[in-house]
């Protein structure tokens, strides 16, 4: 029967220890998984001509898609005599994917009891969307709580109208907002308030091309408190506002969202918006959906209307795509 104590790794904070009571004659031993950071880990011992110590993450979807980039110190402490700890040179920012990425060969015999001690100095991961690696421990509990509290306060400022100093007039109603927030989020708003324009003089902004509900969703996004359902409902209005007021992150968010649910009911409308707001990936996806996937035949009536009112250059692109596809057959 397996003795679980042989395989258990004790952990506290960022420290892991595996106590080996007797390695005996076995040539391989792997610890049970232990959790440090986002990942489960294994330590392993392999005896051949030398003793090899390995550290690696458990193979999961997370470790495949986001393999840890680890910085750590690993030591071996022996109970035999007064031998000093064996310390591996500090590992810095090494990506660990499998059991061959970190191997420490020890050209000596370890008898009796000993401890493998791993102190994790940092663990980093790369964002799924790309970019520089970041420490998973940089976003500590205090910072997360601070973000949540700040967003809660911003939401109260907006929904409860706390010290609002600008009025936004929409097509069917008015809303209060804070010029400091608007100016910080949009260079267009900042320019309005920095010069002697009517927005500064009368403390009002006229956004007549938005309904009060769409404008509420727009402000909620700027304040960082938008509800996902509201975002989906008002995507096109938000895209128009993002383009008009030069808010690149909102424009990117709308673009990504509009790519996710193209269908026969919206593809022609999406195609026109892609051309209007210069969204190349959305335009390419709509053309592919219509032409390469043959859905243009499912929207014949709508496509005839589209031909009568769409931009001439866009119509030319559609026909060029049709011709290129036919040549491919």
C-alpha atoms as a PDB file:
ATOM      1  CA  UNK A   1       0.000   0.000   0.000  1.00  0.00           C
ATOM      2  CA  UNK A   2       1.262   3.475  -0.940  1.00  0.00           C
ATOM      3  CA  UNK A   3       2.447   5.563   2.024  1.00  0.00           C
ATOM      4  CA  UNK A   4       1.053   9.015   1.270  1.00  0.00           C
ATOM      5  CA  UNK A   5       3.658  10.718   3.470  1.00  0.00           C
ATOM      6  CA  UNK A   6       6.344   9.646   0.982  1.00  0.00           C
ATOM      7  CA  UNK A   7       4.815  11.818  -1.701  1.00  0.00           C
ATOM      8  CA  UNK A   8       3.300  14.774   0.156  1.00  0.00           C
ATOM      9  CA  UNK A   9       4.863  18.218  -0.213  1.00  0.00           C
ATOM     10  CA  UNK A  10       4.212  20.696   2.591  1.00  0.00           C
ATOM     11  CA  UNK A  11       3.636  24.313   1.556  1.00  0.00           C
ATOM     12  CA  UNK A  12       3.319  27.647   3.283  1.00  0.00           C
ATOM     13  CA  UNK A  13       3.147  30.992   1.487  1.00  0.00           C
ATOM     14  CA  UNK A  14       5.750  30.670  -1.327  1.00  0.00           C
ATOM     15  CA  UNK A  15       7.767  27.873   0.252  1.00  0.00           C
ATOM     16  CA  UNK A  16       7.501  24.142  -0.520  1.00  0.00           C
ATOM     17  CA  UNK A  17       9.297  21.288   1.267  1.00  0.00           C
ATOM     18  CA  UNK A  18       9.425  17.619   0.362  1.00  0.00           C
ATOM     19  CA  UNK A  19      10.737  15.409   3.155  1.00  0.00           C
ATOM     20  CA  UNK A  20      12.372  12.190   2.001  1.00  0.00           C
ATOM     21  CA  UNK A  21      12.729   9.626   4.790  1.00  0.00           C
ATOM     22  CA  UNK A  22      14.274   6.867   2.732  1.00  0.00           C
ATOM     23  CA  UNK A  23      15.019   6.887  -0.961  1.00  0.00           C
ATOM     24  CA  UNK A  24      16.133   3.231  -0.748  1.00  0.00           C
ATOM     25  CA  UNK A  25      16.777   1.542  -4.040  1.00  0.00           C
ATOM     26  CA  UNK A  26      13.924   3.031  -6.052  1.00  0.00           C
ATOM     27  CA  UNK A  27      15.067   4.775  -9.194  1.00  0.00           C
ATOM     28  CA  UNK A  28      12.191   7.238  -9.502  1.00  0.00           C
ATOM     29  CA  UNK A  29       9.862   9.040  -7.160  1.00  0.00           C
ATOM     30  CA  UNK A  30       7.431  11.849  -7.937  1.00  0.00           C
ATOM     31  CA  UNK A  31       5.654  13.958  -5.365  1.00  0.00           C
ATOM     32  CA  UNK A  32       1.936  14.532  -5.169  1.00  0.00           C
ATOM     33  CA  UNK A  33       0.864  17.818  -6.773  1.00  0.00           C
ATOM     34  CA  UNK A  34       1.185  20.914  -4.605  1.00  0.00           C
ATOM     35  CA  UNK A  35      -0.251  24.379  -5.217  1.00  0.00           C
ATOM     36  CA  UNK A  36       1.908  27.492  -5.453  1.00  0.00           C
ATOM     37  CA  UNK A  37       0.482  30.496  -7.262  1.00  0.00           C
ATOM     38  CA  UNK A  38      -1.887  29.572 -10.092  1.00  0.00           C
ATOM     39  CA  UNK A  39      -0.342  26.201 -10.829  1.00  0.00           C
ATOM     40  CA  UNK A  40      -0.029  22.736  -9.344  1.00  0.00           C
ATOM     41  CA  UNK A  41       3.572  21.532  -9.200  1.00  0.00           C
ATOM     42  CA  UNK A  42       5.537  18.309  -8.910  1.00  0.00           C
ATOM     43  CA  UNK A  43       8.975  17.551  -7.541  1.00  0.00           C
ATOM     44  CA  UNK A  44      10.625  14.384  -8.818  1.00  0.00           C
ATOM     45  CA  UNK A  45      13.745  12.340  -7.991  1.00  0.00           C
ATOM     46  CA  UNK A  46      15.408  10.180 -10.598  1.00  0.00           C
ATOM     47  CA  UNK A  47      18.404   7.962  -9.831  1.00  0.00           C
ATOM     48  CA  UNK A  48      20.698   6.890 -12.608  1.00  0.00           C
ATOM     49  CA  UNK A  49      24.432   7.460 -12.511  1.00  0.00           C
ATOM     50  CA  UNK A  50      23.626  10.678 -10.683  1.00  0.00           C
ATOM     51  CA  UNK A  51      20.633  11.811  -8.652  1.00  0.00           C
ATOM     52  CA  UNK A  52      18.476  14.259 -10.561  1.00  0.00           C
ATOM     53  CA  UNK A  53      15.952  16.627  -8.979  1.00  0.00           C
ATOM     54  CA  UNK A  54      13.207  18.015 -11.170  1.00  0.00           C
ATOM     55  CA  UNK A  55      10.614  20.739 -10.668  1.00  0.00           C
ATOM     56  CA  UNK A  56       7.799  21.230 -13.133  1.00  0.00           C
ATOM     57  CA  UNK A  57       4.115  22.222 -13.340  1.00  0.00           C
ATOM     58  CA  UNK A  58       1.392  19.611 -13.572  1.00  0.00           C
ATOM     59  CA  UNK A  59       0.218  19.287 -17.175  1.00  0.00           C
ATOM     60  CA  UNK A  60      -3.157  21.021 -17.426  1.00  0.00           C
ATOM     61  CA  UNK A  61      -4.872  23.376 -19.857  1.00  0.00           C
ATOM     62  CA  UNK A  62      -3.625  26.301 -17.759  1.00  0.00           C
ATOM     63  CA  UNK A  63       0.015  25.191 -17.787  1.00  0.00           C
ATOM     64  CA  UNK A  64      -0.122  24.532 -21.537  1.00  0.00           C
ATOM     65  CA  UNK A  65      -1.678  27.896 -22.406  1.00  0.00           C
ATOM     66  CA  UNK A  66      -0.008  29.916 -19.639  1.00  0.00           C
ATOM     67  CA  UNK A  67       3.186  28.129 -18.614  1.00  0.00           C
ATOM     68  CA  UNK A  68       4.719  29.697 -15.513  1.00  0.00           C
ATOM     69  CA  UNK A  69       7.872  31.774 -15.724  1.00  0.00           C
ATOM     70  CA  UNK A  70       9.513  30.998 -12.399  1.00  0.00           C
ATOM     71  CA  UNK A  71      12.198  32.526 -10.237  1.00  0.00           C
ATOM     72  CA  UNK A  72      13.188  30.342  -7.297  1.00  0.00           C
ATOM     73  CA  UNK A  73      15.891  29.011  -5.001  1.00  0.00           C
ATOM     74  CA  UNK A  74      16.112  25.246  -4.486  1.00  0.00           C
ATOM     75  CA  UNK A  75      18.088  23.589  -1.684  1.00  0.00           C
ATOM     76  CA  UNK A  76      18.777  20.097  -0.397  1.00  0.00           C
ATOM     77  CA  UNK A  77      19.159  19.755   3.369  1.00  0.00           C
ATOM     78  CA  UNK A  78      20.586  16.463   4.617  1.00  0.00           C
ATOM     79  CA  UNK A  79      20.262  14.933   8.077  1.00  0.00           C
ATOM     80  CA  UNK A  80      23.573  13.082   7.740  1.00  0.00           C
ATOM     81  CA  UNK A  81      26.319  14.720   9.811  1.00  0.00           C
ATOM     82  CA  UNK A  82      26.649  18.492   9.718  1.00  0.00           C
ATOM     83  CA  UNK A  83      26.679  18.743   5.949  1.00  0.00           C
ATOM     84  CA  UNK A  84      25.846  22.243   4.738  1.00  0.00           C
ATOM     85  CA  UNK A  85      22.790  22.675   2.541  1.00  0.00           C
ATOM     86  CA  UNK A  86      23.324  22.150  -1.144  1.00  0.00           C
ATOM     87  CA  UNK A  87      22.017  25.256  -2.892  1.00  0.00           C
ATOM     88  CA  UNK A  88      21.403  25.522  -6.614  1.00  0.00           C
ATOM     89  CA  UNK A  89      22.326  28.889  -8.188  1.00  0.00           C
ATOM     90  CA  UNK A  90      19.277  31.120  -8.152  1.00  0.00           C
ATOM     91  CA  UNK A  91      16.912  30.555 -11.084  1.00  0.00           C
ATOM     92  CA  UNK A  92      15.551  33.716 -12.659  1.00  0.00           C
ATOM     93  CA  UNK A  93      12.616  33.967 -15.068  1.00  0.00           C
ATOM     94  CA  UNK A  94      12.800  30.430 -16.457  1.00  0.00           C
ATOM     95  CA  UNK A  95       9.742  29.167 -18.281  1.00  0.00           C
ATOM     96  CA  UNK A  96       8.749  25.713 -17.061  1.00  0.00           C
ATOM     97  CA  UNK A  97       6.499  23.590 -19.272  1.00  0.00           C
ATOM     98  CA  UNK A  98       7.517  19.980 -18.672  1.00  0.00           C
ATOM     99  CA  UNK A  99       9.733  17.726 -16.561  1.00  0.00           C
ATOM    100  CA  UNK A 100      12.856  18.463 -18.595  1.00  0.00           C
ATOM    101  CA  UNK A 101      12.837  22.234 -18.240  1.00  0.00           C
ATOM    102  CA  UNK A 102      14.499  22.249 -14.808  1.00  0.00           C
ATOM    103  CA  UNK A 103      16.818  19.385 -13.907  1.00  0.00           C
ATOM    104  CA  UNK A 104      19.412  19.587 -11.121  1.00  0.00           C
ATOM    105  CA  UNK A 105      21.928  16.709 -11.277  1.00  0.00           C
ATOM    106  CA  UNK A 106      23.686  15.877  -7.996  1.00  0.00           C
ATOM    107  CA  UNK A 107      26.826  13.771  -8.317  1.00  0.00           C
ATOM    108  CA  UNK A 108      26.626  12.417  -4.777  1.00  0.00           C
ATOM    109  CA  UNK A 109      24.743   9.866  -2.703  1.00  0.00           C
ATOM    110  CA  UNK A 110      22.043  11.050  -0.340  1.00  0.00           C
ATOM    111  CA  UNK A 111      21.424   8.626   2.481  1.00  0.00           C
ATOM    112  CA  UNK A 112      18.987   8.789   5.357  1.00  0.00           C
ATOM    113  CA  UNK A 113      16.547  11.647   5.654  1.00  0.00           C
ATOM    114  CA  UNK A 114      16.796  14.815   3.594  1.00  0.00           C
ATOM    115  CA  UNK A 115      14.582  17.713   2.536  1.00  0.00           C
ATOM    116  CA  UNK A 116      14.136  19.340  -0.836  1.00  0.00           C
ATOM    117  CA  UNK A 117      13.298  22.972  -0.178  1.00  0.00           C
ATOM    118  CA  UNK A 118      11.946  25.274  -2.917  1.00  0.00           C
ATOM    119  CA  UNK A 119      11.462  28.972  -2.267  1.00  0.00           C
ATOM    120  CA  UNK A 120       9.536  30.683  -5.056  1.00  0.00           C
ATOM    121  CA  UNK A 121      10.737  34.261  -5.483  1.00  0.00           C
ATOM    122  CA  UNK A 122       8.332  35.165  -8.268  1.00  0.00           C
ATOM    123  CA  UNK A 123       5.920  33.581 -10.737  1.00  0.00           C
ATOM    124  CA  UNK A 124       5.047  35.320 -13.985  1.00  0.00           C
ATOM    125  CA  UNK A 125       2.719  34.605 -16.866  1.00  0.00           C
ATOM    126  CA  UNK A 126       2.152  36.086 -20.316  1.00  0.00           C
ATOM    127  CA  UNK A 127      -1.265  37.613 -21.086  1.00  0.00           C
ATOM    128  CA  UNK A 128      -3.325  35.510 -23.528  1.00  0.00           C
ATOM    129  CA  UNK A 129      -3.595  38.503 -25.834  1.00  0.00           C
ATOM    130  CA  UNK A 130       0.191  38.862 -25.847  1.00  0.00           C
ATOM    131  CA  UNK A 131       2.521  41.389 -24.269  1.00  0.00           C
ATOM    132  CA  UNK A 132       5.127  41.416 -21.558  1.00  0.00           C
ATOM    133  CA  UNK A 133       5.098  38.806 -18.763  1.00  0.00           C
ATOM    134  CA  UNK A 134       3.705  40.050 -15.471  1.00  0.00           C
ATOM    135  CA  UNK A 135       3.998  38.802 -11.918  1.00  0.00           C
ATOM    136  CA  UNK A 136       0.911  37.026 -10.623  1.00  0.00           C
ATOM    137  CA  UNK A 137       1.789  38.369  -7.186  1.00  0.00           C
ATOM    138  CA  UNK A 138       2.041  42.013  -8.254  1.00  0.00           C
ATOM    139  CA  UNK A 139      -1.757  42.236  -8.086  1.00  0.00           C
ATOM    140  CA  UNK A 140      -1.989  41.602  -4.383  1.00  0.00           C
ATOM    141  CA  UNK A 141      -5.200  41.530  -2.312  1.00  0.00           C
ATOM    142  CA  UNK A 142      -4.792  45.149  -1.218  1.00  0.00           C
ATOM    143  CA  UNK A 143      -4.550  46.391  -4.787  1.00  0.00           C
ATOM    144  CA  UNK A 144      -7.534  44.330  -5.913  1.00  0.00           C
ATOM    145  CA  UNK A 145      -9.615  45.647  -3.015  1.00  0.00           C
ATOM    146  CA  UNK A 146      -8.491  49.167  -3.885  1.00  0.00           C
ATOM    147  CA  UNK A 147      -9.647  48.715  -7.494  1.00  0.00           C
ATOM    148  CA  UNK A 148     -13.017  47.342  -6.414  1.00  0.00           C
ATOM    149  CA  UNK A 149     -13.541  50.148  -3.905  1.00  0.00           C
ATOM    150  CA  UNK A 150     -12.553  52.806  -6.452  1.00  0.00           C
ATOM    151  CA  UNK A 151     -14.945  51.415  -9.068  1.00  0.00           C
ATOM    152  CA  UNK A 152     -17.718  51.273  -6.481  1.00  0.00           C
ATOM    153  CA  UNK A 153     -17.149  54.942  -5.680  1.00  0.00           C
ATOM    154  CA  UNK A 154     -17.124  55.903  -9.359  1.00  0.00           C
ATOM    155  CA  UNK A 155     -20.378  54.032  -9.861  1.00  0.00           C
ATOM    156  CA  UNK A 156     -21.963  55.915  -6.952  1.00  0.00           C
ATOM    157  CA  UNK A 157     -20.703  59.232  -8.332  1.00  0.00           C
ATOM    158  CA  UNK A 158     -22.427  58.486 -11.629  1.00  0.00           C
ATOM    159  CA  UNK A 159     -25.650  56.771 -10.520  1.00  0.00           C
ATOM    160  CA  UNK A 160     -26.292  59.023  -7.516  1.00  0.00           C
ATOM    161  CA  UNK A 161     -25.169  62.219  -9.238  1.00  0.00           C
ATOM    162  CA  UNK A 162     -22.591  63.073  -6.565  1.00  0.00           C
ATOM    163  CA  UNK A 163     -21.130  66.531  -7.389  1.00  0.00           C
ATOM    164  CA  UNK A 164     -21.788  66.255 -11.129  1.00  0.00           C
ATOM    165  CA  UNK A 165     -20.605  69.365 -12.969  1.00  0.00           C
ATOM    166  CA  UNK A 166     -21.613  68.752 -16.589  1.00  0.00           C
ATOM    167  CA  UNK A 167     -24.981  67.987 -18.206  1.00  0.00           C
ATOM    168  CA  UNK A 168     -25.240  65.777 -21.273  1.00  0.00           C
ATOM    169  CA  UNK A 169     -28.286  66.364 -23.460  1.00  0.00           C
ATOM    170  CA  UNK A 170     -29.231  63.299 -25.524  1.00  0.00           C
ATOM    171  CA  UNK A 171     -31.988  62.797 -28.094  1.00  0.00           C
ATOM    172  CA  UNK A 172     -34.542  61.934 -25.411  1.00  0.00           C
ATOM    173  CA  UNK A 173     -33.237  63.052 -22.046  1.00  0.00           C
ATOM    174  CA  UNK A 174     -30.373  64.443 -19.971  1.00  0.00           C
ATOM    175  CA  UNK A 175     -27.690  62.933 -17.735  1.00  0.00           C
ATOM    176  CA  UNK A 176     -25.203  64.324 -15.248  1.00  0.00           C
ATOM    177  CA  UNK A 177     -21.496  63.547 -15.394  1.00  0.00           C
ATOM    178  CA  UNK A 178     -18.097  64.756 -14.210  1.00  0.00           C
ATOM    179  CA  UNK A 179     -15.928  66.705 -16.623  1.00  0.00           C
ATOM    180  CA  UNK A 180     -12.738  65.431 -14.973  1.00  0.00           C
ATOM    181  CA  UNK A 181     -13.681  61.810 -15.754  1.00  0.00           C
ATOM    182  CA  UNK A 182     -14.743  62.643 -19.311  1.00  0.00           C
ATOM    183  CA  UNK A 183     -11.570  64.638 -19.979  1.00  0.00           C
ATOM    184  CA  UNK A 184      -9.371  61.870 -18.599  1.00  0.00           C
ATOM    185  CA  UNK A 185     -11.037  59.253 -20.834  1.00  0.00           C
ATOM    186  CA  UNK A 186     -11.322  61.226 -24.090  1.00  0.00           C
ATOM    187  CA  UNK A 187      -8.993  63.772 -25.727  1.00  0.00           C
ATOM    188  CA  UNK A 188     -12.027  65.216 -27.521  1.00  0.00           C
ATOM    189  CA  UNK A 189     -13.786  65.983 -24.229  1.00  0.00           C
ATOM    190  CA  UNK A 190     -10.538  67.300 -22.792  1.00  0.00           C
ATOM    191  CA  UNK A 191     -10.217  69.697 -25.703  1.00  0.00           C
ATOM    192  CA  UNK A 192     -13.814  70.876 -25.215  1.00  0.00           C
ATOM    193  CA  UNK A 193     -13.171  71.832 -21.597  1.00  0.00           C
ATOM    194  CA  UNK A 194      -9.735  73.318 -22.210  1.00  0.00           C
ATOM    195  CA  UNK A 195     -10.942  75.973 -24.648  1.00  0.00           C
ATOM    196  CA  UNK A 196     -13.640  78.607 -24.505  1.00  0.00           C
ATOM    197  CA  UNK A 197     -16.274  76.511 -26.230  1.00  0.00           C
ATOM    198  CA  UNK A 198     -19.954  76.341 -25.319  1.00  0.00           C
ATOM    199  CA  UNK A 199     -19.392  73.065 -23.436  1.00  0.00           C
ATOM    200  CA  UNK A 200     -17.083  74.903 -21.039  1.00  0.00           C
ATOM    201  CA  UNK A 201     -19.160  78.078 -20.829  1.00  0.00           C
ATOM    202  CA  UNK A 202     -22.564  76.438 -20.302  1.00  0.00           C
ATOM    203  CA  UNK A 203     -21.412  73.168 -18.676  1.00  0.00           C
ATOM    204  CA  UNK A 204     -23.422  71.155 -21.201  1.00  0.00           C
ATOM    205  CA  UNK A 205     -22.615  68.675 -23.959  1.00  0.00           C
ATOM    206  CA  UNK A 206     -25.115  67.937 -26.703  1.00  0.00           C
ATOM    207  CA  UNK A 207     -24.995  64.317 -27.894  1.00  0.00           C
ATOM    208  CA  UNK A 208     -28.130  64.297 -29.998  1.00  0.00           C
ATOM    209  CA  UNK A 209     -27.166  61.126 -31.906  1.00  0.00           C
ATOM    210  CA  UNK A 210     -27.502  58.959 -28.769  1.00  0.00           C
ATOM    211  CA  UNK A 211     -30.528  57.946 -26.744  1.00  0.00           C
ATOM    212  CA  UNK A 212     -30.409  58.442 -23.013  1.00  0.00           C
ATOM    213  CA  UNK A 213     -30.075  54.659 -22.510  1.00  0.00           C
ATOM    214  CA  UNK A 214     -27.157  54.381 -24.939  1.00  0.00           C
ATOM    215  CA  UNK A 215     -25.506  57.405 -23.358  1.00  0.00           C
ATOM    216  CA  UNK A 216     -25.943  55.859 -19.916  1.00  0.00           C
ATOM    217  CA  UNK A 217     -24.138  52.744 -21.185  1.00  0.00           C
ATOM    218  CA  UNK A 218     -21.445  54.977 -22.695  1.00  0.00           C
ATOM    219  CA  UNK A 219     -20.881  56.774 -19.402  1.00  0.00           C
ATOM    220  CA  UNK A 220     -20.896  53.480 -17.493  1.00  0.00           C
ATOM    221  CA  UNK A 221     -18.096  52.255 -19.738  1.00  0.00           C
ATOM    222  CA  UNK A 222     -16.078  55.441 -19.200  1.00  0.00           C
ATOM    223  CA  UNK A 223     -16.522  55.075 -15.432  1.00  0.00           C
ATOM    224  CA  UNK A 224     -15.509  51.387 -15.598  1.00  0.00           C
ATOM    225  CA  UNK A 225     -18.827  50.002 -14.344  1.00  0.00           C
ATOM    226  CA  UNK A 226     -20.711  48.895 -17.469  1.00  0.00           C
ATOM    227  CA  UNK A 227     -22.931  45.822 -17.268  1.00  0.00           C
ATOM    228  CA  UNK A 228     -22.007  43.192 -19.919  1.00  0.00           C
ATOM    229  CA  UNK A 229     -25.625  42.914 -21.072  1.00  0.00           C
ATOM    230  CA  UNK A 230     -25.875  46.681 -21.557  1.00  0.00           C
ATOM    231  CA  UNK A 231     -22.638  46.595 -23.527  1.00  0.00           C
ATOM    232  CA  UNK A 232     -24.047  44.001 -25.940  1.00  0.00           C
ATOM    233  CA  UNK A 233     -27.337  45.861 -26.381  1.00  0.00           C
ATOM    234  CA  UNK A 234     -25.677  49.197 -27.159  1.00  0.00           C
ATOM    235  CA  UNK A 235     -22.555  48.014 -29.045  1.00  0.00           C
ATOM    236  CA  UNK A 236     -23.190  49.966 -32.239  1.00  0.00           C
ATOM    237  CA  UNK A 237     -24.007  53.187 -30.410  1.00  0.00           C
ATOM    238  CA  UNK A 238     -20.904  52.691 -28.275  1.00  0.00           C
ATOM    239  CA  UNK A 239     -18.798  52.099 -31.392  1.00  0.00           C
ATOM    240  CA  UNK A 240     -20.066  55.341 -32.909  1.00  0.00           C
ATOM    241  CA  UNK A 241     -19.304  57.238 -29.679  1.00  0.00           C
ATOM    242  CA  UNK A 242     -15.860  55.636 -29.397  1.00  0.00           C
ATOM    243  CA  UNK A 243     -14.990  56.779 -32.902  1.00  0.00           C
ATOM    244  CA  UNK A 244     -16.467  60.253 -32.409  1.00  0.00           C
ATOM    245  CA  UNK A 245     -14.722  60.908 -29.072  1.00  0.00           C
ATOM    246  CA  UNK A 246     -11.469  59.047 -29.851  1.00  0.00           C
ATOM    247  CA  UNK A 247     -11.713  56.361 -27.159  1.00  0.00           C
ATOM    248  CA  UNK A 248      -9.541  53.597 -28.617  1.00  0.00           C
ATOM    249  CA  UNK A 249     -10.079  50.971 -25.903  1.00  0.00           C
ATOM    250  CA  UNK A 250     -13.871  51.194 -26.301  1.00  0.00           C
ATOM    251  CA  UNK A 251     -13.554  50.976 -30.070  1.00  0.00           C
ATOM    252  CA  UNK A 252     -11.366  47.869 -29.722  1.00  0.00           C
ATOM    253  CA  UNK A 253     -13.836  46.294 -27.281  1.00  0.00           C
ATOM    254  CA  UNK A 254     -16.739  46.889 -29.680  1.00  0.00           C
ATOM    255  CA  UNK A 255     -14.731  45.550 -32.610  1.00  0.00           C
ATOM    256  CA  UNK A 256     -13.858  42.337 -30.764  1.00  0.00           C
ATOM    257  CA  UNK A 257     -17.453  41.853 -29.626  1.00  0.00           C
ATOM    258  CA  UNK A 258     -18.947  42.417 -33.094  1.00  0.00           C
ATOM    259  CA  UNK A 259     -16.688  39.690 -34.469  1.00  0.00           C
ATOM    260  CA  UNK A 260     -18.196  37.087 -32.166  1.00  0.00           C
ATOM    261  CA  UNK A 261     -21.796  36.787 -33.400  1.00  0.00           C
ATOM    262  CA  UNK A 262     -21.977  37.535 -37.117  1.00  0.00           C
ATOM    263  CA  UNK A 263     -25.080  35.979 -38.678  1.00  0.00           C
ATOM    264  CA  UNK A 264     -27.425  36.479 -41.632  1.00  0.00           C
ATOM    265  CA  UNK A 265     -29.507  39.032 -39.722  1.00  0.00           C
ATOM    266  CA  UNK A 266     -26.641  41.419 -39.020  1.00  0.00           C
ATOM    267  CA  UNK A 267     -23.837  40.683 -41.496  1.00  0.00           C
ATOM    268  CA  UNK A 268     -24.658  43.454 -43.995  1.00  0.00           C
ATOM    269  CA  UNK A 269     -25.089  46.032 -41.253  1.00  0.00           C
ATOM    270  CA  UNK A 270     -21.796  44.906 -39.666  1.00  0.00           C
ATOM    271  CA  UNK A 271     -20.065  45.117 -43.045  1.00  0.00           C
ATOM    272  CA  UNK A 272     -21.162  48.741 -43.499  1.00  0.00           C
ATOM    273  CA  UNK A 273     -20.089  49.658 -39.980  1.00  0.00           C
ATOM    274  CA  UNK A 274     -16.740  47.941 -40.508  1.00  0.00           C
ATOM    275  CA  UNK A 275     -16.140  50.115 -43.562  1.00  0.00           C
ATOM    276  CA  UNK A 276     -17.449  53.278 -41.889  1.00  0.00           C
ATOM    277  CA  UNK A 277     -15.336  52.937 -38.731  1.00  0.00           C
ATOM    278  CA  UNK A 278     -12.303  51.331 -40.387  1.00  0.00           C
ATOM    279  CA  UNK A 279     -12.467  47.921 -38.731  1.00  0.00           C
ATOM    280  CA  UNK A 280     -10.498  45.714 -41.142  1.00  0.00           C
ATOM    281  CA  UNK A 281     -10.856  42.437 -39.250  1.00  0.00           C
ATOM    282  CA  UNK A 282     -14.632  42.818 -38.991  1.00  0.00           C
ATOM    283  CA  UNK A 283     -14.879  43.685 -42.690  1.00  0.00           C
ATOM    284  CA  UNK A 284     -12.788  40.659 -43.647  1.00  0.00           C
ATOM    285  CA  UNK A 285     -14.911  38.370 -41.469  1.00  0.00           C
ATOM    286  CA  UNK A 286     -18.168  39.688 -42.943  1.00  0.00           C
ATOM    287  CA  UNK A 287     -16.901  39.243 -46.502  1.00  0.00           C
ATOM    288  CA  UNK A 288     -15.724  35.737 -45.690  1.00  0.00           C
ATOM    289  CA  UNK A 289     -19.102  34.879 -44.116  1.00  0.00           C
ATOM    290  CA  UNK A 290     -20.995  36.202 -47.137  1.00  0.00           C
ATOM    291  CA  UNK A 291     -18.820  34.924 -49.965  1.00  0.00           C
ATOM    292  CA  UNK A 292     -16.592  32.027 -48.942  1.00  0.00           C
ATOM    293  CA  UNK A 293     -19.272  30.502 -46.740  1.00  0.00           C
ATOM    294  CA  UNK A 294     -21.965  31.201 -49.312  1.00  0.00           C
ATOM    295  CA  UNK A 295     -24.328  33.089 -47.009  1.00  0.00           C
ATOM    296  CA  UNK A 296     -24.823  35.801 -49.632  1.00  0.00           C
ATOM    297  CA  UNK A 297     -27.500  33.544 -51.148  1.00  0.00           C
ATOM    298  CA  UNK A 298     -29.393  33.519 -47.855  1.00  0.00           C
ATOM    299  CA  UNK A 299     -29.692  37.331 -47.799  1.00  0.00           C
ATOM    300  CA  UNK A 300     -30.569  37.990 -51.451  1.00  0.00           C
ATOM    301  CA  UNK A 301     -33.355  40.482 -50.751  1.00  0.00           C
ATOM    302  CA  UNK A 302     -31.350  42.337 -48.138  1.00  0.00           C
ATOM    303  CA  UNK A 303     -28.312  42.305 -50.430  1.00  0.00           C
ATOM    304  CA  UNK A 304     -30.298  43.976 -53.215  1.00  0.00           C
ATOM    305  CA  UNK A 305     -31.189  46.799 -50.808  1.00  0.00           C
ATOM    306  CA  UNK A 306     -27.553  46.929 -49.709  1.00  0.00           C
ATOM    307  CA  UNK A 307     -26.449  47.442 -53.340  1.00  0.00           C
ATOM    308  CA  UNK A 308     -28.722  50.476 -53.656  1.00  0.00           C
ATOM    309  CA  UNK A 309     -27.478  52.342 -50.585  1.00  0.00           C
ATOM    310  CA  UNK A 310     -23.983  51.117 -49.669  1.00  0.00           C
ATOM    311  CA  UNK A 311     -20.750  52.941 -50.400  1.00  0.00           C
ATOM    312  CA  UNK A 312     -19.546  52.296 -53.969  1.00  0.00           C
ATOM    313  CA  UNK A 313     -16.044  51.313 -52.861  1.00  0.00           C
ATOM    314  CA  UNK A 314     -17.488  48.771 -50.432  1.00  0.00           C
ATOM    315  CA  UNK A 315     -19.707  47.272 -53.140  1.00  0.00           C
ATOM    316  CA  UNK A 316     -16.640  46.976 -55.364  1.00  0.00           C
ATOM    317  CA  UNK A 317     -14.823  45.101 -52.597  1.00  0.00           C
ATOM    318  CA  UNK A 318     -17.723  42.668 -52.258  1.00  0.00           C
ATOM    319  CA  UNK A 319     -17.740  41.908 -55.983  1.00  0.00           C
ATOM    320  CA  UNK A 320     -13.966  41.565 -56.069  1.00  0.00           C
ATOM    321  CA  UNK A 321     -14.258  39.034 -53.260  1.00  0.00           C
ATOM    322  CA  UNK A 322     -16.935  37.145 -55.212  1.00  0.00           C
ATOM    323  CA  UNK A 323     -14.780  37.075 -58.355  1.00  0.00           C
ATOM    324  CA  UNK A 324     -11.702  35.936 -56.432  1.00  0.00           C
ATOM    325  CA  UNK A 325     -13.691  33.122 -54.826  1.00  0.00           C
ATOM    326  CA  UNK A 326     -15.144  31.953 -58.145  1.00  0.00           C
ATOM    327  CA  UNK A 327     -11.663  31.862 -59.679  1.00  0.00           C
ATOM    328  CA  UNK A 328     -10.594  29.584 -56.845  1.00  0.00           C
ATOM    329  CA  UNK A 329     -13.101  26.892 -57.843  1.00  0.00           C
END
